[in-house]
Amino acid sequence: MDINPTNSYQNMLNMLGKGSSQNTDGQPAATDANAGKVKAASQTSGSATTSRASDANAYSDKVSLSYRAEKLSKISTEFFGGTIQSSQIPALTQRLYENGFLNDSQYRDLGGAQQKVSAISQANAFISRQILAEPDGNSEMARQLVQVANVLANMDAPTTPELRRAEADAYEFMASHSEALQQQGAPEELRQGFTRVMEVLEALDKVRKQEQSTGALSSYASVQEAWQSMQNDEE
Protein backbone atom coordinates (compact mmCIF):
# COMPACT_ATOMS: atom_id res chain seq x y z
CA MET A 1 0.00 0.00 0.00
CA ASP A 2 1.19 3.49 -0.86
CA ILE A 3 1.03 6.27 1.70
CA ASN A 4 0.44 9.84 0.54
CA PRO A 5 1.16 12.66 0.58
CA THR A 6 4.91 12.53 0.76
CA ASN A 7 4.90 16.19 1.85
CA SER A 8 3.43 15.24 5.23
CA TYR A 9 6.46 13.07 5.94
CA GLN A 10 8.81 15.77 4.73
CA ASN A 11 7.11 18.11 7.20
CA MET A 12 7.73 15.54 9.90
CA LEU A 13 11.44 15.57 9.10
CA ASN A 14 11.46 19.36 9.24
CA MET A 15 9.85 19.22 12.68
CA LEU A 16 12.37 16.64 13.82
CA GLY A 17 15.20 18.88 12.70
CA LYS A 18 13.89 21.70 14.87
CA GLY A 19 12.57 19.80 17.85
CA SER A 20 14.61 16.64 18.28
CA SER A 21 16.49 18.15 21.21
CA GLN A 22 13.18 18.18 23.08
CA ASN A 23 12.74 14.43 22.56
CA THR A 24 13.26 13.36 26.13
CA ASP A 25 10.41 11.35 27.73
CA GLY A 26 12.72 10.65 30.63
CA GLN A 27 15.40 9.40 28.30
CA PRO A 28 19.12 10.08 28.76
CA ALA A 29 19.14 12.82 26.12
CA ALA A 30 17.52 15.51 28.26
CA THR A 31 18.97 18.86 27.27
CA ASP A 32 19.11 20.42 30.73
CA ALA A 33 20.16 18.36 33.75
CA ASN A 34 21.50 15.33 31.91
CA ALA A 35 23.41 17.37 29.33
CA GLY A 36 24.89 19.32 32.20
CA LYS A 37 25.94 16.08 33.88
CA VAL A 38 27.67 14.90 30.72
CA LYS A 39 29.40 18.26 30.33
CA ALA A 40 30.58 18.13 33.94
CA ALA A 41 31.84 14.60 33.38
CA SER A 42 33.78 15.82 30.37
CA GLN A 43 35.48 18.43 32.51
CA THR A 44 36.04 16.02 35.42
CA SER A 45 37.56 13.26 33.32
CA GLY A 46 39.95 15.73 31.72
CA SER A 47 39.25 14.48 28.22
CA ALA A 48 38.12 17.83 26.85
CA THR A 49 40.83 19.54 24.84
CA THR A 50 40.96 23.31 25.14
CA SER A 51 43.90 24.10 22.88
CA ARG A 52 42.14 23.89 19.51
CA ALA A 53 42.78 26.10 16.53
CA SER A 54 40.12 28.75 16.00
CA ASP A 55 38.88 27.22 12.75
CA ALA A 56 38.56 23.80 14.40
CA ASN A 57 36.61 25.38 17.24
CA ALA A 58 34.30 27.10 14.78
CA TYR A 59 33.64 23.73 13.18
CA SER A 60 33.18 21.73 16.36
CA ASP A 61 30.75 24.31 17.78
CA LYS A 62 28.35 23.16 15.07
CA VAL A 63 28.87 19.41 15.50
CA SER A 64 25.43 18.64 16.92
CA LEU A 65 23.65 20.72 14.28
CA SER A 66 25.70 19.20 11.47
CA TYR A 67 25.06 15.69 12.79
CA ARG A 68 21.30 16.32 12.86
CA ALA A 69 21.30 17.78 9.36
CA GLU A 70 23.37 14.92 7.95
CA LYS A 71 21.11 12.25 9.44
CA LEU A 72 17.91 13.98 8.33
CA SER A 73 19.31 14.40 4.82
CA LYS A 74 20.13 10.69 4.54
CA ILE A 75 16.70 9.67 5.85
CA SER A 76 14.98 12.07 3.47
CA THR A 77 16.95 10.74 0.49
CA GLU A 78 16.33 7.12 1.42
CA PHE A 79 12.62 7.28 2.19
CA PHE A 80 11.09 10.44 0.75
CA GLY A 81 12.24 10.55 -2.85
CA GLY A 82 8.69 9.71 -3.91
CA THR A 83 5.65 7.87 -2.61
CA ILE A 84 6.46 5.98 0.56
CA GLN A 85 5.34 2.35 0.82
CA SER A 86 3.72 1.00 3.98
CA SER A 87 6.32 -1.77 3.92
CA GLN A 88 8.98 0.90 4.45
CA ILE A 89 7.51 2.19 7.71
CA PRO A 90 9.29 -0.31 10.01
CA ALA A 91 12.66 0.54 8.44
CA LEU A 92 11.91 4.26 8.67
CA THR A 93 10.92 3.92 12.32
CA GLN A 94 14.10 1.97 13.05
CA ARG A 95 16.24 4.59 11.31
CA LEU A 96 14.62 7.44 13.21
CA TYR A 97 15.18 5.59 16.49
CA GLU A 98 18.81 4.71 15.87
CA ASN A 99 19.58 8.27 14.77
CA GLY A 100 18.17 9.72 17.98
CA PHE A 101 14.98 11.31 16.66
CA LEU A 102 12.69 8.92 18.58
CA ASN A 103 13.06 7.94 22.20
CA ASP A 104 12.32 4.44 23.49
CA SER A 105 8.68 5.18 24.30
CA GLN A 106 7.95 6.77 20.92
CA TYR A 107 9.70 3.91 19.15
CA ARG A 108 7.48 1.38 20.93
CA ASP A 109 4.36 3.43 20.18
CA LEU A 110 5.22 3.34 16.47
CA GLY A 111 5.54 -0.43 16.45
CA GLY A 112 9.15 -0.84 17.49
CA ALA A 113 8.07 -3.24 20.24
CA GLN A 114 7.04 -5.78 17.61
CA GLN A 115 10.62 -6.98 17.55
CA LYS A 116 13.25 -6.96 20.26
CA VAL A 117 15.57 -3.97 20.05
CA SER A 118 19.17 -5.10 19.73
CA ALA A 119 21.89 -3.83 22.03
CA ILE A 120 23.55 -2.24 18.99
CA SER A 121 20.39 -0.31 18.10
CA GLN A 122 20.07 0.85 21.69
CA ALA A 123 23.69 1.98 21.74
CA ASN A 124 23.29 3.85 18.45
CA ALA A 125 20.10 5.52 19.64
CA PHE A 126 21.65 6.58 22.95
CA ILE A 127 24.74 8.12 21.36
CA SER A 128 22.66 9.89 18.72
CA ARG A 129 20.37 11.39 21.36
CA GLN A 130 23.38 12.61 23.33
CA ILE A 131 24.84 14.26 20.22
CA LEU A 132 21.56 15.96 19.34
CA ALA A 133 21.14 17.19 22.92
CA GLU A 134 24.70 18.43 23.36
CA PRO A 135 24.85 22.19 24.01
CA ASP A 136 27.04 24.21 21.64
CA GLY A 137 29.20 25.40 24.53
CA ASN A 138 30.63 21.90 24.96
CA SER A 139 31.60 21.20 21.37
CA GLU A 140 34.52 18.92 22.25
CA MET A 141 32.09 16.58 23.97
CA ALA A 142 29.92 16.50 20.84
CA ARG A 143 32.97 15.78 18.70
CA GLN A 144 33.95 12.86 20.91
CA LEU A 145 30.41 11.48 20.83
CA VAL A 146 30.40 11.65 17.02
CA GLN A 147 33.62 9.62 16.99
CA VAL A 148 31.90 6.97 19.12
CA ALA A 149 28.94 7.02 16.71
CA ASN A 150 31.33 6.50 13.80
CA VAL A 151 32.86 3.48 15.52
CA LEU A 152 29.41 1.95 16.02
CA ALA A 153 28.55 2.66 12.38
CA ASN A 154 31.72 0.93 11.13
CA MET A 155 31.73 -2.20 13.27
CA ASP A 156 31.13 -4.35 10.18
CA ALA A 157 34.03 -2.75 8.29
CA PRO A 158 37.29 -4.67 7.73
CA THR A 159 39.81 -4.21 10.53
CA THR A 160 42.54 -1.63 10.05
CA PRO A 161 45.05 -0.21 12.56
CA GLU A 162 43.29 3.16 12.34
CA LEU A 163 39.91 1.59 13.03
CA ARG A 164 41.22 -0.35 16.01
CA ARG A 165 42.72 2.83 17.46
CA ALA A 166 39.39 4.60 17.00
CA GLU A 167 37.60 1.74 18.75
CA ALA A 168 40.04 1.84 21.67
CA ASP A 169 39.70 5.63 21.94
CA ALA A 170 35.91 5.33 21.89
CA TYR A 171 35.93 2.83 24.73
CA GLU A 172 38.37 4.88 26.79
CA PHE A 173 36.22 7.97 26.31
CA MET A 174 33.02 6.18 27.34
CA ALA A 175 34.70 4.51 30.32
CA SER A 176 36.14 7.76 31.69
CA HIS A 177 32.83 9.56 31.41
CA SER A 178 30.92 6.63 32.85
CA GLU A 179 33.13 6.71 35.93
CA ALA A 180 32.76 10.47 36.28
CA LEU A 181 28.98 10.25 35.96
CA GLN A 182 28.93 7.56 38.63
CA GLN A 183 30.91 9.78 41.00
CA GLN A 184 28.61 12.73 40.35
CA GLY A 185 25.45 10.75 41.01
CA ALA A 186 24.09 11.30 37.50
CA PRO A 187 20.61 9.93 36.65
CA GLU A 188 20.50 6.16 36.40
CA GLU A 189 19.15 6.26 32.83
CA LEU A 190 22.15 8.28 31.72
CA ARG A 191 24.64 5.97 33.43
CA GLN A 192 22.91 2.91 32.01
CA GLY A 193 23.15 4.39 28.52
CA PHE A 194 26.91 4.87 28.81
CA THR A 195 27.24 1.35 30.23
CA ARG A 196 25.30 -0.16 27.33
CA VAL A 197 27.55 1.53 24.77
CA MET A 198 30.63 0.29 26.65
CA GLU A 199 29.21 -3.25 26.60
CA VAL A 200 28.71 -3.08 22.84
CA LEU A 201 32.26 -1.77 22.37
CA GLU A 202 33.56 -4.63 24.55
CA ALA A 203 31.64 -7.11 22.39
CA LEU A 204 33.09 -5.48 19.27
CA ASP A 205 36.61 -5.84 20.68
CA LYS A 206 35.95 -9.51 21.38
CA VAL A 207 34.78 -10.08 17.82
CA ARG A 208 37.77 -8.18 16.40
CA LYS A 209 40.16 -10.43 18.33
CA GLN A 210 38.35 -13.52 17.07
CA GLU A 211 38.56 -12.06 13.58
CA GLN A 212 42.35 -12.06 13.82
CA SER A 213 42.48 -15.73 14.80
CA THR A 214 39.66 -17.17 12.66
CA GLY A 215 39.54 -14.81 9.70
CA ALA A 216 35.76 -14.40 10.10
CA LEU A 217 34.82 -10.79 9.39
CA SER A 218 33.04 -8.72 11.99
CA SER A 219 29.33 -8.04 11.47
CA TYR A 220 26.48 -6.48 13.39
CA ALA A 221 25.09 -9.97 13.97
CA SER A 222 28.39 -11.29 15.35
CA VAL A 223 28.75 -8.30 17.69
CA GLN A 224 25.18 -8.75 18.92
CA GLU A 225 25.86 -12.45 19.47
CA ALA A 226 29.06 -11.66 21.38
CA TRP A 227 27.18 -9.13 23.51
CA GLN A 228 24.47 -11.69 24.31
CA SER A 229 27.12 -14.26 25.23
CA MET A 230 28.72 -11.77 27.61
CA GLN A 231 25.34 -11.11 29.24
CA ASN A 232 24.72 -14.83 29.66
CA ASP A 233 28.13 -15.27 31.31
CA GLU A 234 27.24 -12.60 33.88
CA GLU A 235 23.98 -14.30 34.85
C-alpha atoms as a PDB file:
ATOM      1  CA  MET A   1       0.000   0.000   0.000  1.00  0.00           C
ATOM      2  CA  ASP A   2       1.191   3.488  -0.860  1.00  0.00           C
ATOM      3  CA  ILE A   3       1.029   6.271   1.696  1.00  0.00           C
ATOM      4  CA  ASN A   4       0.443   9.838   0.537  1.00  0.00           C
ATOM      5  CA  PRO A   5       1.156  12.656   0.578  1.00  0.00           C
ATOM      6  CA  THR A   6       4.907  12.532   0.765  1.00  0.00           C
ATOM      7  CA  ASN A   7       4.905  16.185   1.854  1.00  0.00           C
ATOM      8  CA  SER A   8       3.434  15.241   5.229  1.00  0.00           C
ATOM      9  CA  TYR A   9       6.464  13.074   5.936  1.00  0.00           C
ATOM     10  CA  GLN A  10       8.807  15.772   4.728  1.00  0.00           C
ATOM     11  CA  ASN A  11       7.112  18.112   7.197  1.00  0.00           C
ATOM     12  CA  MET A  12       7.725  15.538   9.900  1.00  0.00           C
ATOM     13  CA  LEU A  13      11.441  15.567   9.097  1.00  0.00           C
ATOM     14  CA  ASN A  14      11.465  19.360   9.243  1.00  0.00           C
ATOM     15  CA  MET A  15       9.851  19.222  12.678  1.00  0.00           C
ATOM     16  CA  LEU A  16      12.374  16.639  13.824  1.00  0.00           C
ATOM     17  CA  GLY A  17      15.196  18.884  12.704  1.00  0.00           C
ATOM     18  CA  LYS A  18      13.889  21.698  14.874  1.00  0.00           C
ATOM     19  CA  GLY A  19      12.575  19.798  17.853  1.00  0.00           C
ATOM     20  CA  SER A  20      14.608  16.641  18.285  1.00  0.00           C
ATOM     21  CA  SER A  21      16.488  18.152  21.207  1.00  0.00           C
ATOM     22  CA  GLN A  22      13.175  18.175  23.077  1.00  0.00           C
ATOM     23  CA  ASN A  23      12.744  14.432  22.558  1.00  0.00           C
ATOM     24  CA  THR A  24      13.263  13.358  26.134  1.00  0.00           C
ATOM     25  CA  ASP A  25      10.407  11.353  27.731  1.00  0.00           C
ATOM     26  CA  GLY A  26      12.722  10.654  30.625  1.00  0.00           C
ATOM     27  CA  GLN A  27      15.399   9.395  28.305  1.00  0.00           C
ATOM     28  CA  PRO A  28      19.122  10.082  28.762  1.00  0.00           C
ATOM     29  CA  ALA A  29      19.139  12.821  26.122  1.00  0.00           C
ATOM     30  CA  ALA A  30      17.516  15.508  28.259  1.00  0.00           C
ATOM     31  CA  THR A  31      18.967  18.857  27.265  1.00  0.00           C
ATOM     32  CA  ASP A  32      19.108  20.418  30.729  1.00  0.00           C
ATOM     33  CA  ALA A  33      20.157  18.365  33.749  1.00  0.00           C
ATOM     34  CA  ASN A  34      21.504  15.331  31.909  1.00  0.00           C
ATOM     35  CA  ALA A  35      23.405  17.367  29.328  1.00  0.00           C
ATOM     36  CA  GLY A  36      24.892  19.316  32.202  1.00  0.00           C
ATOM     37  CA  LYS A  37      25.942  16.077  33.881  1.00  0.00           C
ATOM     38  CA  VAL A  38      27.673  14.899  30.715  1.00  0.00           C
ATOM     39  CA  LYS A  39      29.400  18.262  30.334  1.00  0.00           C
ATOM     40  CA  ALA A  40      30.576  18.134  33.940  1.00  0.00           C
ATOM     41  CA  ALA A  41      31.838  14.601  33.381  1.00  0.00           C
ATOM     42  CA  SER A  42      33.778  15.823  30.372  1.00  0.00           C
ATOM     43  CA  GLN A  43      35.476  18.427  32.514  1.00  0.00           C
ATOM     44  CA  THR A  44      36.037  16.024  35.422  1.00  0.00           C
ATOM     45  CA  SER A  45      37.557  13.260  33.321  1.00  0.00           C
ATOM     46  CA  GLY A  46      39.950  15.726  31.723  1.00  0.00           C
ATOM     47  CA  SER A  47      39.253  14.478  28.217  1.00  0.00           C
ATOM     48  CA  ALA A  48      38.118  17.826  26.852  1.00  0.00           C
ATOM     49  CA  THR A  49      40.825  19.540  24.837  1.00  0.00           C
ATOM     50  CA  THR A  50      40.957  23.309  25.136  1.00  0.00           C
ATOM     51  CA  SER A  51      43.903  24.098  22.876  1.00  0.00           C
ATOM     52  CA  ARG A  52      42.137  23.888  19.510  1.00  0.00           C
ATOM     53  CA  ALA A  53      42.782  26.103  16.532  1.00  0.00           C
ATOM     54  CA  SER A  54      40.115  28.751  16.001  1.00  0.00           C
ATOM     55  CA  ASP A  55      38.878  27.223  12.754  1.00  0.00           C
ATOM     56  CA  ALA A  56      38.562  23.804  14.395  1.00  0.00           C
ATOM     57  CA  ASN A  57      36.607  25.381  17.237  1.00  0.00           C
ATOM     58  CA  ALA A  58      34.298  27.100  14.776  1.00  0.00           C
ATOM     59  CA  TYR A  59      33.636  23.733  13.176  1.00  0.00           C
ATOM     60  CA  SER A  60      33.175  21.735  16.360  1.00  0.00           C
ATOM     61  CA  ASP A  61      30.749  24.312  17.781  1.00  0.00           C
ATOM     62  CA  LYS A  62      28.353  23.155  15.072  1.00  0.00           C
ATOM     63  CA  VAL A  63      28.871  19.407  15.502  1.00  0.00           C
ATOM     64  CA  SER A  64      25.427  18.645  16.923  1.00  0.00           C
ATOM     65  CA  LEU A  65      23.648  20.723  14.283  1.00  0.00           C
ATOM     66  CA  SER A  66      25.702  19.204  11.466  1.00  0.00           C
ATOM     67  CA  TYR A  67      25.063  15.693  12.785  1.00  0.00           C
ATOM     68  CA  ARG A  68      21.304  16.320  12.861  1.00  0.00           C
ATOM     69  CA  ALA A  69      21.299  17.784   9.359  1.00  0.00           C
ATOM     70  CA  GLU A  70      23.365  14.917   7.953  1.00  0.00           C
ATOM     71  CA  LYS A  71      21.108  12.248   9.439  1.00  0.00           C
ATOM     72  CA  LEU A  72      17.914  13.980   8.327  1.00  0.00           C
ATOM     73  CA  SER A  73      19.306  14.397   4.822  1.00  0.00           C
ATOM     74  CA  LYS A  74      20.130  10.695   4.544  1.00  0.00           C
ATOM     75  CA  ILE A  75      16.703   9.673   5.851  1.00  0.00           C
ATOM     76  CA  SER A  76      14.985  12.075   3.468  1.00  0.00           C
ATOM     77  CA  THR A  77      16.949  10.743   0.493  1.00  0.00           C
ATOM     78  CA  GLU A  78      16.328   7.118   1.422  1.00  0.00           C
ATOM     79  CA  PHE A  79      12.621   7.278   2.185  1.00  0.00           C
ATOM     80  CA  PHE A  80      11.095  10.437   0.749  1.00  0.00           C
ATOM     81  CA  GLY A  81      12.241  10.550  -2.854  1.00  0.00           C
ATOM     82  CA  GLY A  82       8.690   9.708  -3.914  1.00  0.00           C
ATOM     83  CA  THR A  83       5.653   7.866  -2.612  1.00  0.00           C
ATOM     84  CA  ILE A  84       6.458   5.977   0.559  1.00  0.00           C
ATOM     85  CA  GLN A  85       5.336   2.355   0.825  1.00  0.00           C
ATOM     86  CA  SER A  86       3.720   0.997   3.983  1.00  0.00           C
ATOM     87  CA  SER A  87       6.322  -1.774   3.918  1.00  0.00           C
ATOM     88  CA  GLN A  88       8.984   0.902   4.451  1.00  0.00           C
ATOM     89  CA  ILE A  89       7.511   2.193   7.712  1.00  0.00           C
ATOM     90  CA  PRO A  90       9.285  -0.314  10.012  1.00  0.00           C
ATOM     91  CA  ALA A  91      12.657   0.540   8.439  1.00  0.00           C
ATOM     92  CA  LEU A  92      11.907   4.264   8.675  1.00  0.00           C
ATOM     93  CA  THR A  93      10.921   3.915  12.325  1.00  0.00           C
ATOM     94  CA  GLN A  94      14.103   1.970  13.048  1.00  0.00           C
ATOM     95  CA  ARG A  95      16.235   4.587  11.311  1.00  0.00           C
ATOM     96  CA  LEU A  96      14.621   7.444  13.214  1.00  0.00           C
ATOM     97  CA  TYR A  97      15.175   5.591  16.490  1.00  0.00           C
ATOM     98  CA  GLU A  98      18.814   4.707  15.869  1.00  0.00           C
ATOM     99  CA  ASN A  99      19.578   8.271  14.772  1.00  0.00           C
ATOM    100  CA  GLY A 100      18.173   9.715  17.983  1.00  0.00           C
ATOM    101  CA  PHE A 101      14.976  11.306  16.661  1.00  0.00           C
ATOM    102  CA  LEU A 102      12.689   8.924  18.576  1.00  0.00           C
ATOM    103  CA  ASN A 103      13.058   7.943  22.203  1.00  0.00           C
ATOM    104  CA  ASP A 104      12.322   4.443  23.493  1.00  0.00           C
ATOM    105  CA  SER A 105       8.683   5.177  24.300  1.00  0.00           C
ATOM    106  CA  GLN A 106       7.954   6.771  20.919  1.00  0.00           C
ATOM    107  CA  TYR A 107       9.697   3.909  19.153  1.00  0.00           C
ATOM    108  CA  ARG A 108       7.479   1.382  20.927  1.00  0.00           C
ATOM    109  CA  ASP A 109       4.362   3.431  20.177  1.00  0.00           C
ATOM    110  CA  LEU A 110       5.218   3.343  16.470  1.00  0.00           C
ATOM    111  CA  GLY A 111       5.539  -0.435  16.446  1.00  0.00           C
ATOM    112  CA  GLY A 112       9.145  -0.836  17.491  1.00  0.00           C
ATOM    113  CA  ALA A 113       8.073  -3.242  20.244  1.00  0.00           C
ATOM    114  CA  GLN A 114       7.036  -5.783  17.608  1.00  0.00           C
ATOM    115  CA  GLN A 115      10.617  -6.984  17.553  1.00  0.00           C
ATOM    116  CA  LYS A 116      13.251  -6.962  20.261  1.00  0.00           C
ATOM    117  CA  VAL A 117      15.566  -3.970  20.048  1.00  0.00           C
ATOM    118  CA  SER A 118      19.169  -5.095  19.726  1.00  0.00           C
ATOM    119  CA  ALA A 119      21.891  -3.825  22.028  1.00  0.00           C
ATOM    120  CA  ILE A 120      23.552  -2.242  18.988  1.00  0.00           C
ATOM    121  CA  SER A 121      20.392  -0.309  18.095  1.00  0.00           C
ATOM    122  CA  GLN A 122      20.068   0.847  21.694  1.00  0.00           C
ATOM    123  CA  ALA A 123      23.695   1.984  21.739  1.00  0.00           C
ATOM    124  CA  ASN A 124      23.294   3.853  18.451  1.00  0.00           C
ATOM    125  CA  ALA A 125      20.097   5.519  19.639  1.00  0.00           C
ATOM    126  CA  PHE A 126      21.652   6.584  22.947  1.00  0.00           C
ATOM    127  CA  ILE A 127      24.745   8.120  21.362  1.00  0.00           C
ATOM    128  CA  SER A 128      22.663   9.893  18.722  1.00  0.00           C
ATOM    129  CA  ARG A 129      20.372  11.394  21.357  1.00  0.00           C
ATOM    130  CA  GLN A 130      23.379  12.609  23.328  1.00  0.00           C
ATOM    131  CA  ILE A 131      24.843  14.264  20.222  1.00  0.00           C
ATOM    132  CA  LEU A 132      21.561  15.961  19.343  1.00  0.00           C
ATOM    133  CA  ALA A 133      21.136  17.188  22.925  1.00  0.00           C
ATOM    134  CA  GLU A 134      24.703  18.431  23.356  1.00  0.00           C
ATOM    135  CA  PRO A 135      24.851  22.194  24.006  1.00  0.00           C
ATOM    136  CA  ASP A 136      27.042  24.214  21.643  1.00  0.00           C
ATOM    137  CA  GLY A 137      29.202  25.396  24.532  1.00  0.00           C
ATOM    138  CA  ASN A 138      30.634  21.901  24.958  1.00  0.00           C
ATOM    139  CA  SER A 139      31.602  21.202  21.373  1.00  0.00           C
ATOM    140  CA  GLU A 140      34.521  18.925  22.255  1.00  0.00           C
ATOM    141  CA  MET A 141      32.093  16.584  23.967  1.00  0.00           C
ATOM    142  CA  ALA A 142      29.924  16.497  20.843  1.00  0.00           C
ATOM    143  CA  ARG A 143      32.968  15.776  18.695  1.00  0.00           C
ATOM    144  CA  GLN A 144      33.953  12.856  20.913  1.00  0.00           C
ATOM    145  CA  LEU A 145      30.410  11.480  20.828  1.00  0.00           C
ATOM    146  CA  VAL A 146      30.397  11.653  17.025  1.00  0.00           C
ATOM    147  CA  GLN A 147      33.616   9.624  16.992  1.00  0.00           C
ATOM    148  CA  VAL A 148      31.897   6.966  19.118  1.00  0.00           C
ATOM    149  CA  ALA A 149      28.937   7.018  16.715  1.00  0.00           C
ATOM    150  CA  ASN A 150      31.328   6.501  13.795  1.00  0.00           C
ATOM    151  CA  VAL A 151      32.864   3.478  15.516  1.00  0.00           C
ATOM    152  CA  LEU A 152      29.414   1.945  16.018  1.00  0.00           C
ATOM    153  CA  ALA A 153      28.549   2.657  12.384  1.00  0.00           C
ATOM    154  CA  ASN A 154      31.717   0.926  11.130  1.00  0.00           C
ATOM    155  CA  MET A 155      31.726  -2.200  13.270  1.00  0.00           C
ATOM    156  CA  ASP A 156      31.133  -4.352  10.181  1.00  0.00           C
ATOM    157  CA  ALA A 157      34.026  -2.750   8.292  1.00  0.00           C
ATOM    158  CA  PRO A 158      37.288  -4.667   7.731  1.00  0.00           C
ATOM    159  CA  THR A 159      39.809  -4.214  10.527  1.00  0.00           C
ATOM    160  CA  THR A 160      42.542  -1.628  10.054  1.00  0.00           C
ATOM    161  CA  PRO A 161      45.048  -0.207  12.560  1.00  0.00           C
ATOM    162  CA  GLU A 162      43.292   3.156  12.335  1.00  0.00           C
ATOM    163  CA  LEU A 163      39.908   1.590  13.027  1.00  0.00           C
ATOM    164  CA  ARG A 164      41.225  -0.354  16.014  1.00  0.00           C
ATOM    165  CA  ARG A 165      42.715   2.830  17.461  1.00  0.00           C
ATOM    166  CA  ALA A 166      39.392   4.604  17.003  1.00  0.00           C
ATOM    167  CA  GLU A 167      37.598   1.740  18.755  1.00  0.00           C
ATOM    168  CA  ALA A 168      40.045   1.838  21.666  1.00  0.00           C
ATOM    169  CA  ASP A 169      39.704   5.626  21.937  1.00  0.00           C
ATOM    170  CA  ALA A 170      35.913   5.334  21.892  1.00  0.00           C
ATOM    171  CA  TYR A 171      35.925   2.826  24.731  1.00  0.00           C
ATOM    172  CA  GLU A 172      38.372   4.878  26.792  1.00  0.00           C
ATOM    173  CA  PHE A 173      36.223   7.970  26.314  1.00  0.00           C
ATOM    174  CA  MET A 174      33.021   6.181  27.338  1.00  0.00           C
ATOM    175  CA  ALA A 175      34.697   4.515  30.325  1.00  0.00           C
ATOM    176  CA  SER A 176      36.143   7.755  31.687  1.00  0.00           C
ATOM    177  CA  HIS A 177      32.828   9.556  31.411  1.00  0.00           C
ATOM    178  CA  SER A 178      30.915   6.625  32.852  1.00  0.00           C
ATOM    179  CA  GLU A 179      33.133   6.705  35.931  1.00  0.00           C
ATOM    180  CA  ALA A 180      32.761  10.471  36.279  1.00  0.00           C
ATOM    181  CA  LEU A 181      28.978  10.252  35.960  1.00  0.00           C
ATOM    182  CA  GLN A 182      28.931   7.565  38.632  1.00  0.00           C
ATOM    183  CA  GLN A 183      30.908   9.782  40.999  1.00  0.00           C
ATOM    184  CA  GLN A 184      28.606  12.727  40.347  1.00  0.00           C
ATOM    185  CA  GLY A 185      25.445  10.747  41.009  1.00  0.00           C
ATOM    186  CA  ALA A 186      24.086  11.298  37.498  1.00  0.00           C
ATOM    187  CA  PRO A 187      20.611   9.934  36.652  1.00  0.00           C
ATOM    188  CA  GLU A 188      20.502   6.158  36.399  1.00  0.00           C
ATOM    189  CA  GLU A 189      19.150   6.255  32.833  1.00  0.00           C
ATOM    190  CA  LEU A 190      22.155   8.276  31.725  1.00  0.00           C
ATOM    191  CA  ARG A 191      24.644   5.971  33.431  1.00  0.00           C
ATOM    192  CA  GLN A 192      22.915   2.907  32.007  1.00  0.00           C
ATOM    193  CA  GLY A 193      23.147   4.386  28.525  1.00  0.00           C
ATOM    194  CA  PHE A 194      26.905   4.869  28.806  1.00  0.00           C
ATOM    195  CA  THR A 195      27.242   1.355  30.231  1.00  0.00           C
ATOM    196  CA  ARG A 196      25.298  -0.157  27.327  1.00  0.00           C
ATOM    197  CA  VAL A 197      27.551   1.534  24.770  1.00  0.00           C
ATOM    198  CA  MET A 198      30.626   0.285  26.648  1.00  0.00           C
ATOM    199  CA  GLU A 199      29.207  -3.254  26.602  1.00  0.00           C
ATOM    200  CA  VAL A 200      28.714  -3.083  22.837  1.00  0.00           C
ATOM    201  CA  LEU A 201      32.260  -1.775  22.373  1.00  0.00           C
ATOM    202  CA  GLU A 202      33.559  -4.628  24.546  1.00  0.00           C
ATOM    203  CA  ALA A 203      31.643  -7.108  22.388  1.00  0.00           C
ATOM    204  CA  LEU A 204      33.091  -5.480  19.267  1.00  0.00           C
ATOM    205  CA  ASP A 205      36.609  -5.836  20.681  1.00  0.00           C
ATOM    206  CA  LYS A 206      35.947  -9.511  21.382  1.00  0.00           C
ATOM    207  CA  VAL A 207      34.779 -10.079  17.815  1.00  0.00           C
ATOM    208  CA  ARG A 208      37.769  -8.179  16.396  1.00  0.00           C
ATOM    209  CA  LYS A 209      40.159 -10.427  18.332  1.00  0.00           C
ATOM    210  CA  GLN A 210      38.348 -13.517  17.072  1.00  0.00           C
ATOM    211  CA  GLU A 211      38.555 -12.064  13.584  1.00  0.00           C
ATOM    212  CA  GLN A 212      42.346 -12.062  13.823  1.00  0.00           C
ATOM    213  CA  SER A 213      42.476 -15.730  14.801  1.00  0.00           C
ATOM    214  CA  THR A 214      39.665 -17.165  12.662  1.00  0.00           C
ATOM    215  CA  GLY A 215      39.538 -14.806   9.698  1.00  0.00           C
ATOM    216  CA  ALA A 216      35.761 -14.403  10.103  1.00  0.00           C
ATOM    217  CA  LEU A 217      34.825 -10.794   9.392  1.00  0.00           C
ATOM    218  CA  SER A 218      33.037  -8.719  11.993  1.00  0.00           C
ATOM    219  CA  SER A 219      29.334  -8.042  11.466  1.00  0.00           C
ATOM    220  CA  TYR A 220      26.478  -6.482  13.393  1.00  0.00           C
ATOM    221  CA  ALA A 221      25.093  -9.974  13.971  1.00  0.00           C
ATOM    222  CA  SER A 222      28.391 -11.288  15.354  1.00  0.00           C
ATOM    223  CA  VAL A 223      28.752  -8.303  17.690  1.00  0.00           C
ATOM    224  CA  GLN A 224      25.179  -8.747  18.920  1.00  0.00           C
ATOM    225  CA  GLU A 225      25.858 -12.450  19.465  1.00  0.00           C
ATOM    226  CA  ALA A 226      29.055 -11.657  21.385  1.00  0.00           C
ATOM    227  CA  TRP A 227      27.175  -9.129  23.514  1.00  0.00           C
ATOM    228  CA  GLN A 228      24.473 -11.692  24.311  1.00  0.00           C
ATOM    229  CA  SER A 229      27.118 -14.259  25.230  1.00  0.00           C
ATOM    230  CA  MET A 230      28.718 -11.765  27.611  1.00  0.00           C
ATOM    231  CA  GLN A 231      25.343 -11.109  29.238  1.00  0.00           C
ATOM    232  CA  ASN A 232      24.724 -14.834  29.663  1.00  0.00           C
ATOM    233  CA  ASP A 233      28.126 -15.268  31.313  1.00  0.00           C
ATOM    234  CA  GLU A 234      27.244 -12.604  33.882  1.00  0.00           C
ATOM    235  CA  GLU A 235      23.979 -14.302  34.847  1.00  0.00           C
END
